[in-house]
Amino acid sequence: MDKPVLLYYRILNWQPKNHALAANAFTVRELDHPDQDNGEILATIHACCAPLGHYFGPEKMDRCPNLSAIITNTTGVPHIDIQAAEARGVAVFSLKDEQAFLDTITPTAEHTWGLLLALLRRTPWAFEHIKAGHWNRFQWGAPAMLSRLNLGIIGYGRLGKRVARYGTAFDMAVRYFDPHVEADGVTERQDRLERLVAWADVISLHVPAVEETHGLISAEILSYFKA
């Protein structure tokens, strides 16, 4: 029996072992980018990868008459029209419920911490200053000591908890706000968002982009931020 056909986009940059796993189960067709989609390929596929940032809606689904599965290596699926997929009997596979696997994935939290350090230490601007041939450390002022700052976490799920641990490792005072997560005895829980914002020197936001969180950081909440 012929293998089902999977459309893979090279912008996903899979590791070789993942390519091998896919090739074992599918006949893999490849394009560089979703912008290269064409009717000839879409008409042949049974499964399709869905890179984040590229909308997979009913129009594209209708161009794939044999489509039975959409695959995305993300936890959220804002780029996929779930209702359209369900109406067409197309299954959507994401990482949303793969908790054991996700607990081993750290790049997003690491990137968050890298951005925090870069902003507080003003690293990008100092780097450009040096590239321009200058060497004036006093222009940048004394860098903030993380050990004397308060870190507020909004959203205390997988990523929020990991970033909280990073903050603790840097001797920061850490609190979180999340109405869905009870106190865990590790990080102090703040019961009101405005109180967390007023207390914190740094805010790290880790909530999904869903209807419940739309407008969470409102003008009113912003008014509580430290000047």
Protein backbone atom coordinates (compact mmCIF):
# COMPACT_ATOMS: atom_id res chain seq x y z
CA MET A 1 0.00 0.00 0.00
CA ASP A 2 1.27 3.47 -0.87
CA LYS A 3 2.18 5.75 2.00
CA PRO A 4 0.05 8.85 2.63
CA VAL A 5 1.57 12.08 1.35
CA LEU A 6 2.82 14.77 3.76
CA LEU A 7 3.60 18.33 2.70
CA TYR A 8 6.59 19.69 4.64
CA TYR A 9 7.88 23.28 4.52
CA ARG A 10 11.63 23.75 4.82
CA ILE A 11 11.21 26.92 6.91
CA LEU A 12 10.32 24.55 9.77
CA ASN A 13 13.95 23.38 9.74
CA TRP A 14 13.34 19.94 11.20
CA GLN A 15 16.22 17.95 12.64
CA PRO A 16 17.42 15.00 10.49
CA LYS A 17 15.93 12.41 12.86
CA ASN A 18 12.52 14.06 12.53
CA HIS A 19 12.81 13.95 8.75
CA ALA A 20 13.60 10.25 9.03
CA LEU A 21 10.56 9.61 11.22
CA ALA A 22 8.31 11.44 8.77
CA ALA A 23 9.79 9.61 5.79
CA ASN A 24 9.14 6.29 7.51
CA ALA A 25 5.41 7.01 7.75
CA PHE A 26 4.80 9.29 4.76
CA THR A 27 5.81 10.09 1.26
CA VAL A 28 7.15 13.56 1.97
CA ARG A 29 6.80 16.39 -0.52
CA GLU A 30 8.70 19.58 0.25
CA LEU A 31 8.38 23.27 -0.43
CA ASP A 32 10.45 26.10 0.99
CA HIS A 33 7.48 28.18 2.14
CA PRO A 34 3.65 28.13 2.20
CA ASP A 35 3.69 30.96 -0.35
CA GLN A 36 4.84 28.32 -2.85
CA ASP A 37 1.65 26.26 -2.46
CA ASN A 38 0.26 25.15 -5.79
CA GLY A 39 -2.75 23.17 -6.88
CA GLU A 40 -0.75 20.24 -8.23
CA ILE A 41 0.87 19.49 -4.86
CA LEU A 42 -2.12 20.34 -2.65
CA ALA A 43 -4.33 17.98 -4.64
CA THR A 44 -2.07 15.04 -3.73
CA ILE A 45 -1.50 15.47 0.00
CA HIS A 46 -3.15 13.68 2.92
CA ALA A 47 -1.38 15.61 5.69
CA CYS A 48 0.15 19.07 5.83
CA CYS A 49 2.48 20.88 8.19
CA ALA A 50 1.24 24.26 9.40
CA PRO A 51 4.02 26.73 10.29
CA LEU A 52 3.07 29.35 12.87
CA GLY A 53 2.37 32.72 11.28
CA HIS A 54 0.90 31.25 8.09
CA TYR A 55 -2.87 30.99 8.08
CA PHE A 56 -4.40 27.61 7.29
CA GLY A 57 -8.03 28.36 6.59
CA PRO A 58 -10.98 26.97 4.64
CA GLU A 59 -9.72 28.21 1.27
CA LYS A 60 -6.50 26.23 1.57
CA MET A 61 -8.33 23.21 2.99
CA ASP A 62 -10.65 23.19 -0.01
CA ARG A 63 -7.62 23.03 -2.28
CA CYS A 64 -6.61 19.79 -0.53
CA PRO A 65 -9.40 17.30 -1.37
CA ASN A 66 -7.58 14.37 0.26
CA LEU A 67 -6.51 16.19 3.41
CA SER A 68 -7.11 14.31 6.66
CA ALA A 69 -4.58 15.87 9.06
CA ILE A 70 -2.96 19.23 9.80
CA ILE A 71 0.20 19.09 11.91
CA THR A 72 1.70 21.97 13.89
CA ASN A 73 4.63 21.95 16.31
CA THR A 74 2.99 24.62 18.47
CA THR A 75 0.87 24.59 21.62
CA GLY A 76 -1.54 27.25 20.37
CA VAL A 77 -3.29 27.08 17.00
CA PRO A 78 -4.29 30.68 16.16
CA HIS A 79 -3.04 30.11 12.61
CA ILE A 80 -5.44 27.21 11.94
CA ASP A 81 -9.20 27.54 11.47
CA ILE A 82 -10.28 24.75 13.81
CA GLN A 83 -13.98 25.03 12.97
CA ALA A 84 -13.25 24.77 9.25
CA ALA A 85 -11.08 21.72 9.88
CA GLU A 86 -13.76 20.03 11.99
CA ALA A 87 -16.41 20.74 9.36
CA ARG A 88 -14.27 18.95 6.78
CA GLY A 89 -13.34 16.03 9.00
CA VAL A 90 -9.70 17.12 9.17
CA ALA A 91 -7.85 16.31 12.40
CA VAL A 92 -5.53 18.94 13.87
CA PHE A 93 -2.48 17.70 15.77
CA SER A 94 -0.61 20.13 18.03
CA LEU A 95 1.55 20.00 21.15
CA LYS A 96 -1.17 21.44 23.38
CA ASP A 97 -1.70 18.35 25.55
CA GLU A 98 1.80 16.86 25.28
CA GLN A 99 2.74 18.00 28.78
CA ALA A 100 5.49 15.47 29.47
CA PHE A 101 7.24 16.41 26.23
CA LEU A 102 6.72 20.15 26.71
CA ASP A 103 8.30 19.99 30.16
CA THR A 104 11.58 19.14 28.41
CA ILE A 105 11.40 22.12 26.03
CA THR A 106 13.14 25.22 27.39
CA PRO A 107 14.01 27.61 24.49
CA THR A 108 11.04 29.98 24.96
CA ALA A 109 11.82 30.53 28.64
CA GLU A 110 15.52 30.88 27.84
CA HIS A 111 14.74 33.46 25.17
CA THR A 112 12.55 35.34 27.65
CA TRP A 113 15.41 35.49 30.11
CA GLY A 114 17.83 36.59 27.42
CA LEU A 115 15.53 39.48 26.50
CA LEU A 116 15.14 40.45 30.15
CA LEU A 117 18.90 40.58 30.65
CA ALA A 118 19.43 42.48 27.41
CA LEU A 119 16.87 45.14 28.34
CA LEU A 120 18.01 45.62 31.92
CA ARG A 121 21.68 45.69 30.95
CA ARG A 122 20.92 47.73 27.80
CA THR A 123 23.12 45.31 25.91
CA PRO A 124 21.89 45.96 22.32
CA TRP A 125 22.45 49.70 22.61
CA ALA A 126 25.83 49.34 24.31
CA PHE A 127 26.86 46.87 21.60
CA GLU A 128 25.95 49.33 18.84
CA HIS A 129 27.82 52.05 20.76
CA ILE A 130 30.98 49.93 20.74
CA LYS A 131 30.53 48.97 17.07
CA ALA A 132 30.48 52.68 16.27
CA GLY A 133 33.95 52.97 17.80
CA HIS A 134 33.01 54.41 21.19
CA TRP A 135 34.00 53.18 24.64
CA ASN A 136 32.12 55.29 27.16
CA ARG A 137 30.65 53.11 29.88
CA PHE A 138 29.34 56.11 31.81
CA GLN A 139 26.86 56.97 29.07
CA TRP A 140 24.87 53.90 30.02
CA GLY A 141 24.73 54.43 33.76
CA ALA A 142 25.02 51.73 36.39
CA PRO A 143 23.29 48.52 35.26
CA ALA A 144 20.36 47.30 37.31
CA MET A 145 21.15 44.51 39.74
CA LEU A 146 18.61 41.76 39.29
CA SER A 147 19.06 40.72 42.91
CA ARG A 148 17.47 44.02 43.95
CA LEU A 149 14.52 43.88 41.57
CA ASN A 150 11.03 42.37 41.78
CA LEU A 151 9.88 40.00 39.05
CA GLY A 152 6.15 39.68 38.38
CA ILE A 153 4.92 36.69 36.38
CA ILE A 154 1.53 36.94 34.66
CA GLY A 155 0.44 33.41 33.82
CA TYR A 156 1.92 30.69 36.01
CA GLY A 157 1.83 27.74 33.66
CA ARG A 158 4.73 25.78 32.21
CA LEU A 159 6.64 28.83 30.94
CA GLY A 160 5.73 31.12 33.82
CA LYS A 161 7.00 28.61 36.37
CA ARG A 162 10.27 28.12 34.52
CA VAL A 163 10.89 31.87 34.24
CA ALA A 164 10.05 32.20 37.95
CA ARG A 165 12.77 29.63 38.70
CA TYR A 166 15.25 31.64 36.62
CA GLY A 167 14.33 34.74 38.60
CA THR A 168 14.87 32.93 41.89
CA ALA A 169 18.25 31.70 40.66
CA PHE A 170 19.22 35.35 40.08
CA ASP A 171 18.08 36.23 43.63
CA MET A 172 15.09 38.26 42.47
CA ALA A 173 11.93 38.52 44.53
CA VAL A 174 9.28 36.69 42.48
CA ARG A 175 5.48 36.75 42.60
CA TYR A 176 2.85 35.63 40.13
CA PHE A 177 -0.74 36.35 39.13
CA ASP A 178 -2.87 33.57 37.68
CA PRO A 179 -6.52 33.09 38.71
CA HIS A 180 -6.36 29.47 37.52
CA VAL A 181 -3.33 28.38 39.57
CA GLU A 182 -3.37 28.05 43.34
CA ALA A 183 -0.35 28.84 45.50
CA ASP A 184 2.30 26.16 45.14
CA GLY A 185 4.44 26.99 48.16
CA VAL A 186 7.32 27.92 45.87
CA THR A 187 6.43 31.31 44.37
CA GLU A 188 4.27 33.86 46.17
CA ARG A 189 0.83 34.25 44.62
CA GLN A 190 -0.68 37.71 44.09
CA ASP A 191 -4.47 37.72 43.96
CA ARG A 192 -4.90 40.97 42.01
CA LEU A 193 -3.17 41.87 38.76
CA GLU A 194 -2.90 45.58 39.56
CA ARG A 195 -1.13 44.79 42.84
CA LEU A 196 1.39 42.59 41.07
CA VAL A 197 2.08 45.26 38.46
CA ALA A 198 2.48 47.99 41.09
CA TRP A 199 4.95 45.82 43.03
CA ALA A 200 7.06 44.52 40.16
CA ASP A 201 10.05 46.13 38.50
CA VAL A 202 9.88 43.60 35.66
CA ILE A 203 6.79 41.91 34.23
CA SER A 204 6.97 38.68 32.23
CA LEU A 205 3.76 37.78 30.41
CA HIS A 206 2.95 34.12 29.76
CA VAL A 207 -0.71 33.74 28.82
CA PRO A 208 -2.32 32.28 25.68
CA ALA A 209 -3.88 34.58 23.10
CA VAL A 210 -7.52 33.63 23.72
CA GLU A 211 -10.75 35.54 24.27
CA GLU A 212 -10.34 35.44 28.06
CA THR A 213 -6.97 37.21 27.92
CA HIS A 214 -7.88 39.76 25.24
CA GLY A 215 -7.28 43.22 26.68
CA LEU A 216 -5.71 41.80 29.84
CA ILE A 217 -3.05 44.51 29.84
CA SER A 218 -5.40 47.48 29.59
CA ALA A 219 -4.69 51.19 29.91
CA GLU A 220 -5.83 50.94 33.53
CA ILE A 221 -3.37 48.14 34.28
CA LEU A 222 -0.59 50.03 32.52
CA SER A 223 -1.24 52.98 34.84
CA TYR A 224 -0.10 50.84 37.79
CA PHE A 225 3.34 50.17 36.29
CA LYS A 226 6.27 51.81 38.02
CA ALA A 227 7.49 54.96 36.30
